[in-house]
Amino acid sequence: MVAGSVDDGFWARSACQTQGMAPRFLTLADVKEALNISAAQAYALVRSGELPAIQVGGRGQWRVEATALEDYIQRMYAQTRARIDAGTLDERG
């Protein structure tokens, strides 16, 4: 890294980790890792609007707020519970 340059992801994570805080925004790679899905699946969730996200920077990189990811996970738990209760959950999920 060149002196004076900033890798936002690295520094944001380092500062948050040092202070014991989780980062507010996650990359699609972070989402992919958290949900154990492919990059294409993470991108599809964002593009469909199922997982709210914003585009930032000159290259329009996607960022997902950590709370939005947690909300998505909780919605998926609720949907799965509803499908189980209704008896409509098939063998493949």
PDB file of N, CA and C in Angstrom:
ATOM      1  N   MET A   1       0.850  -1.168   0.000  1.00  0.00           N
ATOM      2  CA  MET A   1       0.000   0.000   0.000  1.00  0.00           C
ATOM      3  C   MET A   1       0.896   1.231   0.000  1.00  0.00           C
ATOM      4  N   VAL A   2       0.526   2.221  -0.798  1.00  0.00           N
ATOM      5  CA  VAL A   2       1.283   3.458  -0.900  1.00  0.00           C
ATOM      6  C   VAL A   2       0.966   4.331   0.307  1.00  0.00           C
ATOM      7  N   ALA A   3       2.003   4.966   0.850  1.00  0.00           N
ATOM      8  CA  ALA A   3       1.785   5.840   2.004  1.00  0.00           C
ATOM      9  C   ALA A   3       0.769   6.909   1.646  1.00  0.00           C
ATOM     10  N   GLY A   4      -0.204   7.105   2.501  1.00  0.00           N
ATOM     11  CA  GLY A   4      -1.228   8.107   2.275  1.00  0.00           C
ATOM     12  C   GLY A   4      -2.438   7.583   1.531  1.00  0.00           C
ATOM     13  N   SER A   5      -2.354   6.380   0.958  1.00  0.00           N
ATOM     14  CA  SER A   5      -3.532   5.817   0.289  1.00  0.00           C
ATOM     15  C   SER A   5      -4.363   5.075   1.325  1.00  0.00           C
ATOM     16  N   VAL A   6      -5.640   4.923   1.017  1.00  0.00           N
ATOM     17  CA  VAL A   6      -6.542   4.302   1.978  1.00  0.00           C
ATOM     18  C   VAL A   6      -7.325   3.206   1.285  1.00  0.00           C
ATOM     19  N   ASP A   7      -7.290   2.019   1.846  1.00  0.00           N
ATOM     20  CA  ASP A   7      -8.149   0.928   1.410  1.00  0.00           C
ATOM     21  C   ASP A   7      -9.316   0.936   2.381  1.00  0.00           C
ATOM     22  N   ASP A   8     -10.449   1.520   1.966  1.00  0.00           N
ATOM     23  CA  ASP A   8     -11.574   1.751   2.871  1.00  0.00           C
ATOM     24  C   ASP A   8     -12.019   0.498   3.600  1.00  0.00           C
ATOM     25  N   GLY A   9     -12.105  -0.629   2.902  1.00  0.00           N
ATOM     26  CA  GLY A   9     -12.550  -1.855   3.551  1.00  0.00           C
ATOM     27  C   GLY A   9     -11.620  -2.265   4.680  1.00  0.00           C
ATOM     28  N   PHE A  10     -10.321  -2.231   4.395  1.00  0.00           N
ATOM     29  CA  PHE A  10      -9.342  -2.622   5.403  1.00  0.00           C
ATOM     30  C   PHE A  10      -9.407  -1.701   6.614  1.00  0.00           C
ATOM     31  N   TRP A  11      -9.367  -0.390   6.376  1.00  0.00           N
ATOM     32  CA  TRP A  11      -9.323   0.546   7.486  1.00  0.00           C
ATOM     33  C   TRP A  11     -10.626   0.577   8.255  1.00  0.00           C
ATOM     34  N   ALA A  12     -11.750   0.465   7.554  1.00  0.00           N
ATOM     35  CA  ALA A  12     -13.045   0.449   8.248  1.00  0.00           C
ATOM     36  C   ALA A  12     -13.129  -0.764   9.161  1.00  0.00           C
ATOM     37  N   ARG A  13     -12.713  -1.921   8.646  1.00  0.00           N
ATOM     38  CA  ARG A  13     -12.756  -3.133   9.469  1.00  0.00           C
ATOM     39  C   ARG A  13     -11.778  -3.043  10.626  1.00  0.00           C
ATOM     40  N   SER A  14     -10.579  -2.544  10.359  1.00  0.00           N
ATOM     41  CA  SER A  14      -9.571  -2.457  11.409  1.00  0.00           C
ATOM     42  C   SER A  14     -10.033  -1.545  12.530  1.00  0.00           C
ATOM     43  N   ALA A  15     -10.576  -0.386  12.192  1.00  0.00           N
ATOM     44  CA  ALA A  15     -11.043   0.552  13.214  1.00  0.00           C
ATOM     45  C   ALA A  15     -12.182  -0.056  14.013  1.00  0.00           C
ATOM     46  N   CYS A  16     -13.118  -0.695  13.321  1.00  0.00           N
ATOM     47  CA  CYS A  16     -14.258  -1.296  14.013  1.00  0.00           C
ATOM     48  C   CYS A  16     -13.801  -2.444  14.899  1.00  0.00           C
ATOM     49  N   GLN A  17     -12.893  -3.268  14.395  1.00  0.00           N
ATOM     50  CA  GLN A  17     -12.428  -4.398  15.182  1.00  0.00           C
ATOM     51  C   GLN A  17     -11.661  -3.921  16.408  1.00  0.00           C
ATOM     52  N   THR A  18     -10.864  -2.876  16.242  1.00  0.00           N
ATOM     53  CA  THR A  18     -10.102  -2.333  17.356  1.00  0.00           C
ATOM     54  C   THR A  18     -11.032  -1.802  18.426  1.00  0.00           C
ATOM     55  N   GLN A  19     -12.126  -1.168  17.997  1.00  0.00           N
ATOM     56  CA  GLN A  19     -13.068  -0.579  18.940  1.00  0.00           C
ATOM     57  C   GLN A  19     -14.145  -1.580  19.361  1.00  0.00           C
ATOM     58  N   GLY A  20     -14.071  -2.812  18.857  1.00  0.00           N
ATOM     59  CA  GLY A  20     -15.032  -3.831  19.233  1.00  0.00           C
ATOM     60  C   GLY A  20     -16.386  -3.662  18.565  1.00  0.00           C
ATOM     61  N   MET A  21     -16.425  -2.932  17.455  1.00  0.00           N
ATOM     62  CA  MET A  21     -17.674  -2.681  16.746  1.00  0.00           C
ATOM     63  C   MET A  21     -17.678  -3.446  15.421  1.00  0.00           C
ATOM     64  N   ALA A  22     -18.863  -3.845  14.999  1.00  0.00           N
ATOM     65  CA  ALA A  22     -18.996  -4.468  13.685  1.00  0.00           C
ATOM     66  C   ALA A  22     -19.112  -3.348  12.652  1.00  0.00           C
ATOM     67  N   PRO A  23     -18.643  -3.592  11.419  1.00  0.00           N
ATOM     68  CA  PRO A  23     -18.771  -2.560  10.391  1.00  0.00           C
ATOM     69  C   PRO A  23     -20.241  -2.331  10.047  1.00  0.00           C
ATOM     70  N   ARG A  24     -20.589  -1.092   9.705  1.00  0.00           N
ATOM     71  CA  ARG A  24     -21.969  -0.775   9.350  1.00  0.00           C
ATOM     72  C   ARG A  24     -22.326  -1.347   7.988  1.00  0.00           C
ATOM     73  N   PHE A  25     -21.404  -1.253   7.029  1.00  0.00           N
ATOM     74  CA  PHE A  25     -21.671  -1.708   5.672  1.00  0.00           C
ATOM     75  C   PHE A  25     -20.802  -2.899   5.318  1.00  0.00           C
ATOM     76  N   LEU A  26     -21.386  -3.818   4.551  1.00  0.00           N
ATOM     77  CA  LEU A  26     -20.708  -5.028   4.125  1.00  0.00           C
ATOM     78  C   LEU A  26     -20.602  -5.040   2.599  1.00  0.00           C
ATOM     79  N   THR A  27     -19.555  -5.652   2.094  1.00  0.00           N
ATOM     80  CA  THR A  27     -19.422  -5.854   0.656  1.00  0.00           C
ATOM     81  C   THR A  27     -20.243  -7.078   0.260  1.00  0.00           C
ATOM     82  N   LEU A  28     -20.426  -7.273  -1.040  1.00  0.00           N
ATOM     83  CA  LEU A  28     -21.110  -8.490  -1.488  1.00  0.00           C
ATOM     84  C   LEU A  28     -20.286  -9.724  -1.141  1.00  0.00           C
ATOM     85  N   ALA A  29     -18.969  -9.571  -1.094  1.00  0.00           N
ATOM     86  CA  ALA A  29     -18.121 -10.695  -0.663  1.00  0.00           C
ATOM     87  C   ALA A  29     -18.410 -11.058   0.786  1.00  0.00           C
ATOM     88  N   ASP A  30     -18.642 -10.042   1.622  1.00  0.00           N
ATOM     89  CA  ASP A  30     -19.004 -10.297   3.028  1.00  0.00           C
ATOM     90  C   ASP A  30     -20.349 -11.025   3.112  1.00  0.00           C
ATOM     91  N   VAL A  31     -21.319 -10.573   2.290  1.00  0.00           N
ATOM     92  CA  VAL A  31     -22.643 -11.201   2.264  1.00  0.00           C
ATOM     93  C   VAL A  31     -22.519 -12.648   1.806  1.00  0.00           C
ATOM     94  N   LYS A  32     -21.745 -12.855   0.746  1.00  0.00           N
ATOM     95  CA  LYS A  32     -21.501 -14.195   0.210  1.00  0.00           C
ATOM     96  C   LYS A  32     -20.959 -15.112   1.303  1.00  0.00           C
ATOM     97  N   GLU A  33     -19.999 -14.619   2.037  1.00  0.00           N
ATOM     98  CA  GLU A  33     -19.385 -15.413   3.104  1.00  0.00           C
ATOM     99  C   GLU A  33     -20.371 -15.673   4.251  1.00  0.00           C
ATOM    100  N   ALA A  34     -21.097 -14.640   4.657  1.00  0.00           N
ATOM    101  CA  ALA A  34     -22.026 -14.774   5.783  1.00  0.00           C
ATOM    102  C   ALA A  34     -23.132 -15.775   5.485  1.00  0.00           C
ATOM    103  N   LEU A  35     -23.627 -15.773   4.237  1.00  0.00           N
ATOM    104  CA  LEU A  35     -24.733 -16.666   3.868  1.00  0.00           C
ATOM    105  C   LEU A  35     -24.260 -17.974   3.237  1.00  0.00           C
ATOM    106  N   ASN A  36     -22.949 -18.085   3.019  1.00  0.00           N
ATOM    107  CA  ASN A  36     -22.376 -19.272   2.383  1.00  0.00           C
ATOM    108  C   ASN A  36     -23.051 -19.540   1.024  1.00  0.00           C
ATOM    109  N   ILE A  37     -23.092 -18.479   0.195  1.00  0.00           N
ATOM    110  CA  ILE A  37     -23.666 -18.562  -1.143  1.00  0.00           C
ATOM    111  C   ILE A  37     -22.632 -18.087  -2.147  1.00  0.00           C
ATOM    112  N   SER A  38     -22.949 -18.216  -3.420  1.00  0.00           N
ATOM    113  CA  SER A  38     -22.020 -17.763  -4.452  1.00  0.00           C
ATOM    114  C   SER A  38     -22.101 -16.251  -4.624  1.00  0.00           C
ATOM    115  N   ALA A  39     -21.093 -15.690  -5.278  1.00  0.00           N
ATOM    116  CA  ALA A  39     -21.102 -14.257  -5.575  1.00  0.00           C
ATOM    117  C   ALA A  39     -22.297 -13.909  -6.452  1.00  0.00           C
ATOM    118  N   ALA A  40     -22.614 -14.765  -7.405  1.00  0.00           N
ATOM    119  CA  ALA A  40     -23.756 -14.525  -8.295  1.00  0.00           C
ATOM    120  C   ALA A  40     -25.062 -14.501  -7.508  1.00  0.00           C
ATOM    121  N   GLN A  41     -25.188 -15.375  -6.523  1.00  0.00           N
ATOM    122  CA  GLN A  41     -26.402 -15.403  -5.706  1.00  0.00           C
ATOM    123  C   GLN A  41     -26.516 -14.141  -4.852  1.00  0.00           C
ATOM    124  N   ALA A  42     -25.409 -13.673  -4.291  1.00  0.00           N
ATOM    125  CA  ALA A  42     -25.418 -12.444  -3.496  1.00  0.00           C
ATOM    126  C   ALA A  42     -25.825 -11.262  -4.374  1.00  0.00           C
ATOM    127  N   TYR A  43     -25.265 -11.196  -5.574  1.00  0.00           N
ATOM    128  CA  TYR A  43     -25.584 -10.122  -6.506  1.00  0.00           C
ATOM    129  C   TYR A  43     -27.059 -10.183  -6.897  1.00  0.00           C
ATOM    130  N   ALA A  44     -27.579 -11.367  -7.126  1.00  0.00           N
ATOM    131  CA  ALA A  44     -28.988 -11.533  -7.508  1.00  0.00           C
ATOM    132  C   ALA A  44     -29.921 -11.070  -6.382  1.00  0.00           C
ATOM    133  N   LEU A  45     -29.570 -11.344  -5.143  1.00  0.00           N
ATOM    134  CA  LEU A  45     -30.389 -10.891  -4.007  1.00  0.00           C
ATOM    135  C   LEU A  45     -30.478  -9.368  -3.976  1.00  0.00           C
ATOM    136  N   VAL A  46     -29.358  -8.716  -4.253  1.00  0.00           N
ATOM    137  CA  VAL A  46     -29.313  -7.258  -4.248  1.00  0.00           C
ATOM    138  C   VAL A  46     -30.055  -6.696  -5.464  1.00  0.00           C
ATOM    139  N   ARG A  47     -29.793  -7.245  -6.639  1.00  0.00           N
ATOM    140  CA  ARG A  47     -30.422  -6.738  -7.869  1.00  0.00           C
ATOM    141  C   ARG A  47     -31.934  -6.907  -7.847  1.00  0.00           C
ATOM    142  N   SER A  48     -32.415  -7.953  -7.214  1.00  0.00           N
ATOM    143  CA  SER A  48     -33.858  -8.204  -7.156  1.00  0.00           C
ATOM    144  C   SER A  48     -34.550  -7.306  -6.121  1.00  0.00           C
ATOM    145  N   GLY A  49     -33.768  -6.702  -5.232  1.00  0.00           N
ATOM    146  CA  GLY A  49     -34.331  -5.890  -4.166  1.00  0.00           C
ATOM    147  C   GLY A  49     -34.677  -6.693  -2.928  1.00  0.00           C
ATOM    148  N   GLU A  50     -34.474  -7.995  -2.997  1.00  0.00           N
ATOM    149  CA  GLU A  50     -34.761  -8.845  -1.833  1.00  0.00           C
ATOM    150  C   GLU A  50     -33.851  -8.503  -0.654  1.00  0.00           C
ATOM    151  N   LEU A  51     -32.624  -8.102  -0.972  1.00  0.00           N
ATOM    152  CA  LEU A  51     -31.666  -7.661   0.037  1.00  0.00           C
ATOM    153  C   LEU A  51     -31.314  -6.212  -0.291  1.00  0.00           C
ATOM    154  N   PRO A  52     -31.824  -5.251   0.486  1.00  0.00           N
ATOM    155  CA  PRO A  52     -31.572  -3.837   0.187  1.00  0.00           C
ATOM    156  C   PRO A  52     -30.077  -3.511   0.231  1.00  0.00           C
ATOM    157  N   ALA A  53     -29.635  -2.686  -0.724  1.00  0.00           N
ATOM    158  CA  ALA A  53     -28.230  -2.300  -0.803  1.00  0.00           C
ATOM    159  C   ALA A  53     -28.127  -0.940  -1.480  1.00  0.00           C
ATOM    160  N   ILE A  54     -26.955  -0.355  -1.374  1.00  0.00           N
ATOM    161  CA  ILE A  54     -26.669   0.900  -2.062  1.00  0.00           C
ATOM    162  C   ILE A  54     -25.428   0.723  -2.922  1.00  0.00           C
ATOM    163  N   GLN A  55     -25.311   1.574  -3.931  1.00  0.00           N
ATOM    164  CA  GLN A  55     -24.095   1.606  -4.727  1.00  0.00           C
ATOM    165  C   GLN A  55     -23.317   2.842  -4.327  1.00  0.00           C
ATOM    166  N   VAL A  56     -22.014   2.680  -4.117  1.00  0.00           N
ATOM    167  CA  VAL A  56     -21.164   3.788  -3.683  1.00  0.00           C
ATOM    168  C   VAL A  56     -19.919   3.865  -4.547  1.00  0.00           C
ATOM    169  N   GLY A  57     -19.324   5.031  -4.560  1.00  0.00           N
ATOM    170  CA  GLY A  57     -18.063   5.219  -5.254  1.00  0.00           C
ATOM    171  C   GLY A  57     -18.210   5.334  -6.754  1.00  0.00           C
ATOM    172  N   GLY A  58     -17.131   5.703  -7.386  1.00  0.00           N
ATOM    173  CA  GLY A  58     -17.100   5.898  -8.826  1.00  0.00           C
ATOM    174  C   GLY A  58     -17.361   4.637  -9.621  1.00  0.00           C
ATOM    175  N   ARG A  59     -17.065   3.501  -9.048  1.00  0.00           N
ATOM    176  CA  ARG A  59     -17.288   2.232  -9.747  1.00  0.00           C
ATOM    177  C   ARG A  59     -18.610   1.587  -9.366  1.00  0.00           C
ATOM    178  N   GLY A  60     -19.384   2.260  -8.525  1.00  0.00           N
ATOM    179  CA  GLY A  60     -20.705   1.758  -8.158  1.00  0.00           C
ATOM    180  C   GLY A  60     -20.680   0.435  -7.426  1.00  0.00           C
ATOM    181  N   GLN A  61     -19.757   0.296  -6.489  1.00  0.00           N
ATOM    182  CA  GLN A  61     -19.665  -0.946  -5.728  1.00  0.00           C
ATOM    183  C   GLN A  61     -20.833  -1.047  -4.763  1.00  0.00           C
ATOM    184  N   TRP A  62     -21.358  -2.248  -4.638  1.00  0.00           N
ATOM    185  CA  TRP A  62     -22.513  -2.492  -3.776  1.00  0.00           C
ATOM    186  C   TRP A  62     -22.092  -2.598  -2.318  1.00  0.00           C
ATOM    187  N   ARG A  63     -22.928  -2.027  -1.448  1.00  0.00           N
ATOM    188  CA  ARG A  63     -22.741  -2.164  -0.007  1.00  0.00           C
ATOM    189  C   ARG A  63     -24.093  -2.487   0.626  1.00  0.00           C
ATOM    190  N   VAL A  64     -24.072  -3.408   1.551  1.00  0.00           N
ATOM    191  CA  VAL A  64     -25.274  -3.848   2.264  1.00  0.00           C
ATOM    192  C   VAL A  64     -25.095  -3.482   3.727  1.00  0.00           C
ATOM    193  N   GLU A  65     -26.078  -2.792   4.267  1.00  0.00           N
ATOM    194  CA  GLU A  65     -25.999  -2.445   5.677  1.00  0.00           C
ATOM    195  C   GLU A  65     -26.129  -3.732   6.501  1.00  0.00           C
ATOM    196  N   ALA A  66     -25.321  -3.866   7.523  1.00  0.00           N
ATOM    197  CA  ALA A  66     -25.313  -5.082   8.344  1.00  0.00           C
ATOM    198  C   ALA A  66     -26.703  -5.367   8.908  1.00  0.00           C
ATOM    199  N   THR A  67     -27.428  -4.323   9.291  1.00  0.00           N
ATOM    200  CA  THR A  67     -28.774  -4.528   9.823  1.00  0.00           C
ATOM    201  C   THR A  67     -29.726  -5.035   8.744  1.00  0.00           C
ATOM    202  N   ALA A  68     -29.516  -4.623   7.482  1.00  0.00           N
ATOM    203  CA  ALA A  68     -30.355  -5.108   6.379  1.00  0.00           C
ATOM    204  C   ALA A  68     -30.111  -6.595   6.153  1.00  0.00           C
ATOM    205  N   LEU A  69     -28.855  -7.022   6.277  1.00  0.00           N
ATOM    206  CA  LEU A  69     -28.548  -8.447   6.141  1.00  0.00           C
ATOM    207  C   LEU A  69     -29.210  -9.232   7.267  1.00  0.00           C
ATOM    208  N   GLU A  70     -29.137  -8.726   8.484  1.00  0.00           N
ATOM    209  CA  GLU A  70     -29.767  -9.413   9.615  1.00  0.00           C
ATOM    210  C   GLU A  70     -31.277  -9.469   9.439  1.00  0.00           C
ATOM    211  N   ASP A  71     -31.886  -8.379   8.949  1.00  0.00           N
ATOM    212  CA  ASP A  71     -33.329  -8.377   8.675  1.00  0.00           C
ATOM    213  C   ASP A  71     -33.691  -9.427   7.628  1.00  0.00           C
ATOM    214  N   TYR A  72     -32.874  -9.526   6.585  1.00  0.00           N
ATOM    215  CA  TYR A  72     -33.094 -10.518   5.534  1.00  0.00           C
ATOM    216  C   TYR A  72     -33.047 -11.935   6.127  1.00  0.00           C
ATOM    217  N   ILE A  73     -32.049 -12.193   6.946  1.00  0.00           N
ATOM    218  CA  ILE A  73     -31.909 -13.513   7.569  1.00  0.00           C
ATOM    219  C   ILE A  73     -33.135 -13.828   8.423  1.00  0.00           C
ATOM    220  N   GLN A  74     -33.595 -12.867   9.200  1.00  0.00           N
ATOM    221  CA  GLN A  74     -34.771 -13.091  10.042  1.00  0.00           C
ATOM    222  C   GLN A  74     -36.019 -13.341   9.191  1.00  0.00           C
ATOM    223  N   ARG A  75     -36.162 -12.620   8.057  1.00  0.00           N
ATOM    224  CA  ARG A  75     -37.290 -12.866   7.137  1.00  0.00           C
ATOM    225  C   ARG A  75     -37.229 -14.275   6.577  1.00  0.00           C
ATOM    226  N   MET A  76     -36.039 -14.746   6.257  1.00  0.00           N
ATOM    227  CA  MET A  76     -35.895 -16.093   5.706  1.00  0.00           C
ATOM    228  C   MET A  76     -36.242 -17.144   6.759  1.00  0.00           C
ATOM    229  N   TYR A  77     -35.864 -16.907   8.012  1.00  0.00           N
ATOM    230  CA  TYR A  77     -36.262 -17.817   9.093  1.00  0.00           C
ATOM    231  C   TYR A  77     -37.784 -17.857   9.212  1.00  0.00           C
ATOM    232  N   ALA A  78     -38.410 -16.684   9.186  1.00  0.00           N
ATOM    233  CA  ALA A  78     -39.877 -16.614   9.320  1.00  0.00           C
ATOM    234  C   ALA A  78     -40.560 -17.313   8.146  1.00  0.00           C
ATOM    235  N   GLN A  79     -40.056 -17.091   6.928  1.00  0.00           N
ATOM    236  CA  GLN A  79     -40.644 -17.747   5.755  1.00  0.00           C
ATOM    237  C   GLN A  79     -40.483 -19.260   5.832  1.00  0.00           C
ATOM    238  N   THR A  80     -39.336 -19.706   6.277  1.00  0.00           N
ATOM    239  CA  THR A  80     -39.092 -21.144   6.396  1.00  0.00           C
ATOM    240  C   THR A  80     -40.010 -21.757   7.446  1.00  0.00           C
ATOM    241  N   ARG A  81     -40.150 -21.070   8.592  1.00  0.00           N
ATOM    242  CA  ARG A  81     -41.065 -21.566   9.629  1.00  0.00           C
ATOM    243  C   ARG A  81     -42.490 -21.654   9.097  1.00  0.00           C
ATOM    244  N   ALA A  82     -42.919 -20.638   8.348  1.00  0.00           N
ATOM    245  CA  ALA A  82     -44.276 -20.632   7.793  1.00  0.00           C
ATOM    246  C   ALA A  82     -44.471 -21.779   6.813  1.00  0.00           C
ATOM    247  N   ARG A  83     -43.454 -22.053   5.993  1.00  0.00           N
ATOM    248  CA  ARG A  83     -43.552 -23.167   5.035  1.00  0.00           C
ATOM    249  C   ARG A  83     -43.582 -24.510   5.763  1.00  0.00           C
ATOM    250  N   ILE A  84     -42.819 -24.642   6.825  1.00  0.00           N
ATOM    251  CA  ILE A  84     -42.836 -25.879   7.614  1.00  0.00           C
ATOM    252  C   ILE A  84     -44.204 -26.065   8.253  1.00  0.00           C
ATOM    253  N   ASP A  85     -44.717 -25.002   8.852  1.00  0.00           N
ATOM    254  CA  ASP A  85     -46.034 -25.062   9.502  1.00  0.00           C
ATOM    255  C   ASP A  85     -47.140 -25.387   8.513  1.00  0.00           C
ATOM    256  N   ALA A  86     -47.003 -24.895   7.286  1.00  0.00           N
ATOM    257  CA  ALA A  86     -48.016 -25.130   6.259  1.00  0.00           C
ATOM    258  C   ALA A  86     -47.824 -26.472   5.562  1.00  0.00           C
ATOM    259  N   GLY A  87     -46.700 -27.133   5.860  1.00  0.00           N
ATOM    260  CA  GLY A  87     -46.427 -28.426   5.224  1.00  0.00           C
ATOM    261  C   GLY A  87     -46.034 -28.303   3.757  1.00  0.00           C
ATOM    262  N   THR A  88     -45.522 -27.138   3.363  1.00  0.00           N
ATOM    263  CA  THR A  88     -45.165 -26.943   1.952  1.00  0.00           C
ATOM    264  C   THR A  88     -43.663 -26.956   1.700  1.00  0.00           C
ATOM    265  N   LEU A  89     -42.890 -27.317   2.688  1.00  0.00           N
ATOM    266  CA  LEU A  89     -41.438 -27.393   2.522  1.00  0.00           C
ATOM    267  C   LEU A  89     -41.097 -28.727   1.885  1.00  0.00           C
ATOM    268  N   ASP A  90     -40.529 -28.694   0.671  1.00  0.00           N
ATOM    269  CA  ASP A  90     -40.185 -29.956   0.009  1.00  0.00           C
ATOM    270  C   ASP A  90     -38.789 -30.410   0.444  1.00  0.00           C
ATOM    271  N   GLU A  91     -38.361 -31.540  -0.073  1.00  0.00           N
ATOM    272  CA  GLU A  91     -37.098 -32.142   0.356  1.00  0.00           C
ATOM    273  C   GLU A  91     -35.881 -31.290   0.024  1.00  0.00           C
ATOM    274  N   ARG A  92     -35.933 -30.515  -1.058  1.00  0.00           N
ATOM    275  CA  ARG A  92     -34.773 -29.721  -1.447  1.00  0.00           C
ATOM    276  C   ARG A  92     -34.760 -28.362  -0.750  1.00  0.00           C
ATOM    277  N   GLY A  93     -35.789 -28.047   0.022  1.00  0.00           N
ATOM    278  CA  GLY A  93     -35.798 -26.809   0.764  1.00  0.00           C
ATOM    279  C   GLY A  93     -36.711 -25.841   0.178  1.00  0.00           C
TER     280      GLY A  93
END
